């Protein structure tokens, strides 16, 4: 399937766009960014220099993904979500001179497989969003999010567990959780959730 880049999008020549991916109106994909197969970059979204995206990722309208972010396969980034990339952002140095692009240390956000970032959420780098985790709309993530966690608020904190389907899990017993949609089981241990083996 062919790549689709609309005329109003700004895609750098050195960016690599995977087969079946689409870049929509007013989106910008910077130099050396890599998008996997079947990705969608929505209207006005920004993909920074060298950002790495796996297959089947979706960046909704006006999402801002600054380098050096890494998105694994199947990551969803909601409308107007922001991934930061600077520990101590300043426009000028202490002497009043304008800071340059090479005089600061870029730090990134990593989104593991299947994770979802809600609309207008802010992920303050450096943080890692775990596999199949979900960040609620409007949340501010300041620390790593465990696999399968649903986090909400400012700062974001875990309130539930979610499965691969994204719906909240139901507790079966002290350590076992079940997805009401798929029937899959998950095991909780020391504040972490893992998928139960299909024995």
C-alpha atoms as a PDB file:
ATOM      1  CA  UNK A   1       0.000   0.000   0.000  1.00  0.00           C
ATOM      2  CA  UNK A   2       1.353   3.413  -0.959  1.00  0.00           C
ATOM      3  CA  UNK A   3       2.412   6.198   1.383  1.00  0.00           C
ATOM      4  CA  UNK A   4      -0.018   9.127   1.447  1.00  0.00           C
ATOM      5  CA  UNK A   5       1.380  12.613   2.114  1.00  0.00           C
ATOM      6  CA  UNK A   6      -1.003  15.485   1.443  1.00  0.00           C
ATOM      7  CA  UNK A   7       0.321  18.580  -0.330  1.00  0.00           C
ATOM      8  CA  UNK A   8       0.127  20.853   2.719  1.00  0.00           C
ATOM      9  CA  UNK A   9       2.228  18.524   4.904  1.00  0.00           C
ATOM     10  CA  UNK A  10       5.924  19.273   5.447  1.00  0.00           C
ATOM     11  CA  UNK A  11       7.956  16.060   5.336  1.00  0.00           C
ATOM     12  CA  UNK A  12      11.753  16.252   5.306  1.00  0.00           C
ATOM     13  CA  UNK A  13      13.506  14.437   2.472  1.00  0.00           C
ATOM     14  CA  UNK A  14      15.555  12.414   4.959  1.00  0.00           C
ATOM     15  CA  UNK A  15      12.500  11.206   6.880  1.00  0.00           C
ATOM     16  CA  UNK A  16      11.565   7.566   6.299  1.00  0.00           C
ATOM     17  CA  UNK A  17       7.838   6.890   5.990  1.00  0.00           C
ATOM     18  CA  UNK A  18       6.697   3.256   6.048  1.00  0.00           C
ATOM     19  CA  UNK A  19       4.389   1.642   3.554  1.00  0.00           C
ATOM     20  CA  UNK A  20       0.707   2.394   4.076  1.00  0.00           C
ATOM     21  CA  UNK A  21       1.335   5.413   6.311  1.00  0.00           C
ATOM     22  CA  UNK A  22      -0.481   8.758   5.956  1.00  0.00           C
ATOM     23  CA  UNK A  23       0.646  12.284   6.813  1.00  0.00           C
ATOM     24  CA  UNK A  24      -2.245  14.749   6.835  1.00  0.00           C
ATOM     25  CA  UNK A  25      -2.777  18.491   6.379  1.00  0.00           C
ATOM     26  CA  UNK A  26      -0.257  20.876   7.978  1.00  0.00           C
ATOM     27  CA  UNK A  27       1.602  18.055   9.740  1.00  0.00           C
ATOM     28  CA  UNK A  28       5.391  18.285   9.956  1.00  0.00           C
ATOM     29  CA  UNK A  29       7.781  15.331   9.975  1.00  0.00           C
ATOM     30  CA  UNK A  30      11.359  16.462  10.583  1.00  0.00           C
ATOM     31  CA  UNK A  31      14.725  15.256   9.342  1.00  0.00           C
ATOM     32  CA  UNK A  32      15.690  11.611   9.947  1.00  0.00           C
ATOM     33  CA  UNK A  33      12.394  10.753  11.641  1.00  0.00           C
ATOM     34  CA  UNK A  34      11.363   7.141  11.035  1.00  0.00           C
ATOM     35  CA  UNK A  35       7.720   6.073  10.799  1.00  0.00           C
ATOM     36  CA  UNK A  36       6.837   2.396  10.477  1.00  0.00           C
ATOM     37  CA  UNK A  37       4.124   0.843   8.355  1.00  0.00           C
ATOM     38  CA  UNK A  38       0.477   1.922   8.541  1.00  0.00           C
ATOM     39  CA  UNK A  39       1.059   4.990  10.736  1.00  0.00           C
ATOM     40  CA  UNK A  40      -1.224   8.025  10.777  1.00  0.00           C
ATOM     41  CA  UNK A  41       0.067  11.539  11.462  1.00  0.00           C
ATOM     42  CA  UNK A  42      -2.968  13.796  11.886  1.00  0.00           C
ATOM     43  CA  UNK A  43      -3.582  17.400  10.939  1.00  0.00           C
ATOM     44  CA  UNK A  44      -1.053  19.808  12.416  1.00  0.00           C
ATOM     45  CA  UNK A  45       0.864  17.078  14.279  1.00  0.00           C
ATOM     46  CA  UNK A  46       4.629  17.455  14.753  1.00  0.00           C
ATOM     47  CA  UNK A  47       7.209  14.653  14.616  1.00  0.00           C
ATOM     48  CA  UNK A  48      10.629  15.872  15.718  1.00  0.00           C
ATOM     49  CA  UNK A  49      14.057  15.253  14.225  1.00  0.00           C
ATOM     50  CA  UNK A  50      15.059  11.607  14.518  1.00  0.00           C
ATOM     51  CA  UNK A  51      11.889  10.493  16.336  1.00  0.00           C
ATOM     52  CA  UNK A  52      11.377   6.739  15.970  1.00  0.00           C
ATOM     53  CA  UNK A  53       7.866   5.350  15.462  1.00  0.00           C
ATOM     54  CA  UNK A  54       6.996   1.674  15.041  1.00  0.00           C
ATOM     55  CA  UNK A  55       4.194   0.191  12.944  1.00  0.00           C
ATOM     56  CA  UNK A  56       0.508   1.142  13.294  1.00  0.00           C
ATOM     57  CA  UNK A  57       1.037   4.250  15.429  1.00  0.00           C
ATOM     58  CA  UNK A  58      -1.536   7.057  15.440  1.00  0.00           C
ATOM     59  CA  UNK A  59      -0.738  10.690  16.188  1.00  0.00           C
ATOM     60  CA  UNK A  60      -3.993  12.605  16.393  1.00  0.00           C
ATOM     61  CA  UNK A  61      -4.427  16.238  15.340  1.00  0.00           C
ATOM     62  CA  UNK A  62      -1.908  18.723  16.778  1.00  0.00           C
ATOM     63  CA  UNK A  63       0.011  16.150  18.832  1.00  0.00           C
ATOM     64  CA  UNK A  64       3.575  17.367  19.433  1.00  0.00           C
ATOM     65  CA  UNK A  65       6.182  14.605  19.631  1.00  0.00           C
ATOM     66  CA  UNK A  66       9.597  16.174  20.204  1.00  0.00           C
ATOM     67  CA  UNK A  67      12.869  14.353  19.703  1.00  0.00           C
ATOM     68  CA  UNK A  68      14.317  12.033  20.873  1.00  0.00           C
ATOM     69  CA  UNK A  69      10.966  10.295  21.513  1.00  0.00           C
ATOM     70  CA  UNK A  70      10.572   6.595  20.721  1.00  0.00           C
ATOM     71  CA  UNK A  71       7.163   5.045  20.036  1.00  0.00           C
ATOM     72  CA  UNK A  72       6.954   1.276  19.733  1.00  0.00           C
ATOM     73  CA  UNK A  73       4.323  -0.537  17.640  1.00  0.00           C
ATOM     74  CA  UNK A  74       0.668   0.367  18.096  1.00  0.00           C
ATOM     75  CA  UNK A  75       1.068   3.558  20.141  1.00  0.00           C
ATOM     76  CA  UNK A  76      -1.830   6.052  20.208  1.00  0.00           C
ATOM     77  CA  UNK A  77      -1.166   9.738  20.916  1.00  0.00           C
ATOM     78  CA  UNK A  78      -4.343  11.792  21.355  1.00  0.00           C
ATOM     79  CA  UNK A  79      -5.155  15.267  20.058  1.00  0.00           C
ATOM     80  CA  UNK A  80      -2.896  18.088  21.300  1.00  0.00           C
ATOM     81  CA  UNK A  81      -0.831  15.772  23.523  1.00  0.00           C
ATOM     82  CA  UNK A  82       2.719  17.017  24.144  1.00  0.00           C
ATOM     83  CA  UNK A  83       5.976  15.123  24.684  1.00  0.00           C
ATOM     84  CA  UNK A  84       8.608  17.464  26.168  1.00  0.00           C
ATOM     85  CA  UNK A  85      12.354  17.065  25.678  1.00  0.00           C
ATOM     86  CA  UNK A  86      14.254  19.441  27.987  1.00  0.00           C
ATOM     87  CA  UNK A  87      15.081  19.153  31.707  1.00  0.00           C
ATOM     88  CA  UNK A  88      15.490  22.897  32.227  1.00  0.00           C
ATOM     89  CA  UNK A  89      13.995  24.863  29.320  1.00  0.00           C
ATOM     90  CA  UNK A  90      15.262  28.396  28.803  1.00  0.00           C
ATOM     91  CA  UNK A  91      15.217  30.726  25.814  1.00  0.00           C
ATOM     92  CA  UNK A  92      18.404  32.500  26.884  1.00  0.00           C
ATOM     93  CA  UNK A  93      21.611  31.705  28.749  1.00  0.00           C
ATOM     94  CA  UNK A  94      22.406  33.392  32.097  1.00  0.00           C
ATOM     95  CA  UNK A  95      24.352  36.095  30.225  1.00  0.00           C
ATOM     96  CA  UNK A  96      21.259  36.971  28.167  1.00  0.00           C
ATOM     97  CA  UNK A  97      22.400  35.450  24.867  1.00  0.00           C
ATOM     98  CA  UNK A  98      19.939  33.395  22.861  1.00  0.00           C
ATOM     99  CA  UNK A  99      20.365  29.674  23.460  1.00  0.00           C
ATOM    100  CA  UNK A 100      21.294  27.563  20.442  1.00  0.00           C
ATOM    101  CA  UNK A 101      19.906  24.214  19.385  1.00  0.00           C
ATOM    102  CA  UNK A 102      23.115  22.414  20.382  1.00  0.00           C
ATOM    103  CA  UNK A 103      23.697  23.834  23.873  1.00  0.00           C
ATOM    104  CA  UNK A 104      21.255  21.672  25.813  1.00  0.00           C
ATOM    105  CA  UNK A 105      20.746  17.960  26.431  1.00  0.00           C
ATOM    106  CA  UNK A 106      17.652  16.529  24.771  1.00  0.00           C
ATOM    107  CA  UNK A 107      15.758  13.914  26.803  1.00  0.00           C
ATOM    108  CA  UNK A 108      12.915  11.854  25.409  1.00  0.00           C
ATOM    109  CA  UNK A 109       9.649  10.099  26.094  1.00  0.00           C
ATOM    110  CA  UNK A 110       9.451   6.371  25.367  1.00  0.00           C
ATOM    111  CA  UNK A 111       6.084   4.759  24.694  1.00  0.00           C
ATOM    112  CA  UNK A 112       6.066   0.977  24.817  1.00  0.00           C
ATOM    113  CA  UNK A 113       3.933  -1.282  22.626  1.00  0.00           C
ATOM    114  CA  UNK A 114       0.207  -0.592  22.567  1.00  0.00           C
ATOM    115  CA  UNK A 115       0.273   2.333  25.006  1.00  0.00           C
ATOM    116  CA  UNK A 116      -2.182   5.226  24.698  1.00  0.00           C
ATOM    117  CA  UNK A 117      -1.791   8.894  25.574  1.00  0.00           C
ATOM    118  CA  UNK A 118      -5.055  10.819  25.998  1.00  0.00           C
ATOM    119  CA  UNK A 119      -5.978  14.193  24.539  1.00  0.00           C
ATOM    120  CA  UNK A 120      -4.001  17.188  25.864  1.00  0.00           C
ATOM    121  CA  UNK A 121      -1.897  14.994  28.154  1.00  0.00           C
ATOM    122  CA  UNK A 122       1.668  16.158  28.770  1.00  0.00           C
ATOM    123  CA  UNK A 123       4.506  13.665  29.170  1.00  0.00           C
ATOM    124  CA  UNK A 124       7.463  15.396  30.855  1.00  0.00           C
ATOM    125  CA  UNK A 125      10.674  13.746  29.635  1.00  0.00           C
ATOM    126  CA  UNK A 126      12.442  11.603  30.503  1.00  0.00           C
ATOM    127  CA  UNK A 127       9.627   9.124  31.168  1.00  0.00           C
ATOM    128  CA  UNK A 128       8.615   5.701  29.880  1.00  0.00           C
ATOM    129  CA  UNK A 129       4.979   4.756  29.323  1.00  0.00           C
ATOM    130  CA  UNK A 130       4.667   0.996  29.808  1.00  0.00           C
ATOM    131  CA  UNK A 131       3.189  -1.615  27.473  1.00  0.00           C
ATOM    132  CA  UNK A 132      -0.559  -1.242  26.956  1.00  0.00           C
ATOM    133  CA  UNK A 133      -0.704   1.497  29.606  1.00  0.00           C
ATOM    134  CA  UNK A 134      -3.173   4.358  29.288  1.00  0.00           C
ATOM    135  CA  UNK A 135      -2.670   8.011  30.197  1.00  0.00           C
ATOM    136  CA  UNK A 136      -5.994   9.782  30.758  1.00  0.00           C
ATOM    137  CA  UNK A 137      -6.809  12.996  28.902  1.00  0.00           C
ATOM    138  CA  UNK A 138      -5.332  16.105  30.472  1.00  0.00           C
ATOM    139  CA  UNK A 139      -2.911  14.229  32.712  1.00  0.00           C
ATOM    140  CA  UNK A 140       0.680  15.332  33.371  1.00  0.00           C
ATOM    141  CA  UNK A 141       3.091  12.392  33.489  1.00  0.00           C
ATOM    142  CA  UNK A 142       6.235  13.090  35.517  1.00  0.00           C
ATOM    143  CA  UNK A 143       7.393   9.539  36.303  1.00  0.00           C
ATOM    144  CA  UNK A 144       7.431   6.178  34.562  1.00  0.00           C
ATOM    145  CA  UNK A 145       4.088   4.429  34.048  1.00  0.00           C
ATOM    146  CA  UNK A 146       3.940   0.638  34.608  1.00  0.00           C
ATOM    147  CA  UNK A 147       2.666  -1.789  31.973  1.00  0.00           C
ATOM    148  CA  UNK A 148      -1.165  -1.957  31.873  1.00  0.00           C
ATOM    149  CA  UNK A 149      -1.594   1.000  34.259  1.00  0.00           C
ATOM    150  CA  UNK A 150      -4.333   3.599  33.858  1.00  0.00           C
ATOM    151  CA  UNK A 151      -2.968   6.891  35.178  1.00  0.00           C
ATOM    152  CA  UNK A 152      -4.863  10.153  35.683  1.00  0.00           C
ATOM    153  CA  UNK A 153      -4.342  13.605  37.130  1.00  0.00           C
ATOM    154  CA  UNK A 154      -1.656  16.199  37.794  1.00  0.00           C
ATOM    155  CA  UNK A 155       0.740  14.653  38.480  1.00  0.00           C
ATOM    156  CA  UNK A 156      -0.520  11.405  36.989  1.00  0.00           C
ATOM    157  CA  UNK A 157      -1.052   8.468  39.347  1.00  0.00           C
ATOM    158  CA  UNK A 158      -2.352   4.949  38.807  1.00  0.00           C
ATOM    159  CA  UNK A 159      -6.027   4.437  39.616  1.00  0.00           C
ATOM    160  CA  UNK A 160      -6.790   1.184  37.754  1.00  0.00           C
ATOM    161  CA  UNK A 161      -5.348  -1.571  35.619  1.00  0.00           C
ATOM    162  CA  UNK A 162      -6.337  -1.943  31.947  1.00  0.00           C
ATOM    163  CA  UNK A 163      -5.834  -4.833  29.547  1.00  0.00           C
ATOM    164  CA  UNK A 164      -4.880  -4.900  25.888  1.00  0.00           C
ATOM    165  CA  UNK A 165      -8.447  -3.890  24.961  1.00  0.00           C
ATOM    166  CA  UNK A 166      -8.075  -0.681  26.999  1.00  0.00           C
ATOM    167  CA  UNK A 167     -11.033  -1.289  29.316  1.00  0.00           C
ATOM    168  CA  UNK A 168     -10.595  -1.406  33.108  1.00  0.00           C
ATOM    169  CA  UNK A 169      -9.896  -4.877  34.482  1.00  0.00           C
ATOM    170  CA  UNK A 170     -12.080  -6.621  37.055  1.00  0.00           C
ATOM    171  CA  UNK A 171     -10.454  -8.130  40.128  1.00  0.00           C
ATOM    172  CA  UNK A 172     -10.956 -11.886  40.447  1.00  0.00           C
ATOM    173  CA  UNK A 173      -8.977 -12.461  43.631  1.00  0.00           C
ATOM    174  CA  UNK A 174      -6.086 -10.929  45.554  1.00  0.00           C
ATOM    175  CA  UNK A 175      -3.612 -11.225  42.670  1.00  0.00           C
ATOM    176  CA  UNK A 176      -5.709 -11.985  39.574  1.00  0.00           C
ATOM    177  CA  UNK A 177      -7.476  -9.582  37.227  1.00  0.00           C
ATOM    178  CA  UNK A 178      -9.733 -10.296  34.245  1.00  0.00           C
ATOM    179  CA  UNK A 179     -10.612  -8.286  31.154  1.00  0.00           C
ATOM    180  CA  UNK A 180     -14.424  -8.115  30.839  1.00  0.00           C
ATOM    181  CA  UNK A 181     -14.113  -7.689  27.066  1.00  0.00           C
ATOM    182  CA  UNK A 182     -11.606 -10.388  26.076  1.00  0.00           C
ATOM    183  CA  UNK A 183     -11.678 -12.714  29.093  1.00  0.00           C
ATOM    184  CA  UNK A 184      -7.880 -12.554  29.343  1.00  0.00           C
ATOM    185  CA  UNK A 185      -6.329 -12.856  32.807  1.00  0.00           C
ATOM    186  CA  UNK A 186      -3.546 -10.778  34.357  1.00  0.00           C
ATOM    187  CA  UNK A 187      -1.469 -11.266  37.491  1.00  0.00           C
ATOM    188  CA  UNK A 188      -0.469  -8.521  39.940  1.00  0.00           C
ATOM    189  CA  UNK A 189       2.778  -8.772  41.895  1.00  0.00           C
ATOM    190  CA  UNK A 190       4.683  -6.015  43.752  1.00  0.00           C
ATOM    191  CA  UNK A 191       2.764  -3.209  42.041  1.00  0.00           C
ATOM    192  CA  UNK A 192       3.212  -4.609  38.545  1.00  0.00           C
ATOM    193  CA  UNK A 193       0.811  -6.413  36.225  1.00  0.00           C
ATOM    194  CA  UNK A 194       1.702  -9.173  33.771  1.00  0.00           C
ATOM    195  CA  UNK A 195      -0.330 -11.267  31.404  1.00  0.00           C
ATOM    196  CA  UNK A 196      -1.172 -14.725  32.733  1.00  0.00           C
ATOM    197  CA  UNK A 197       0.402 -17.497  30.675  1.00  0.00           C
ATOM    198  CA  UNK A 198      -2.029 -19.276  28.396  1.00  0.00           C
ATOM    199  CA  UNK A 199      -1.598 -22.685  30.003  1.00  0.00           C
END
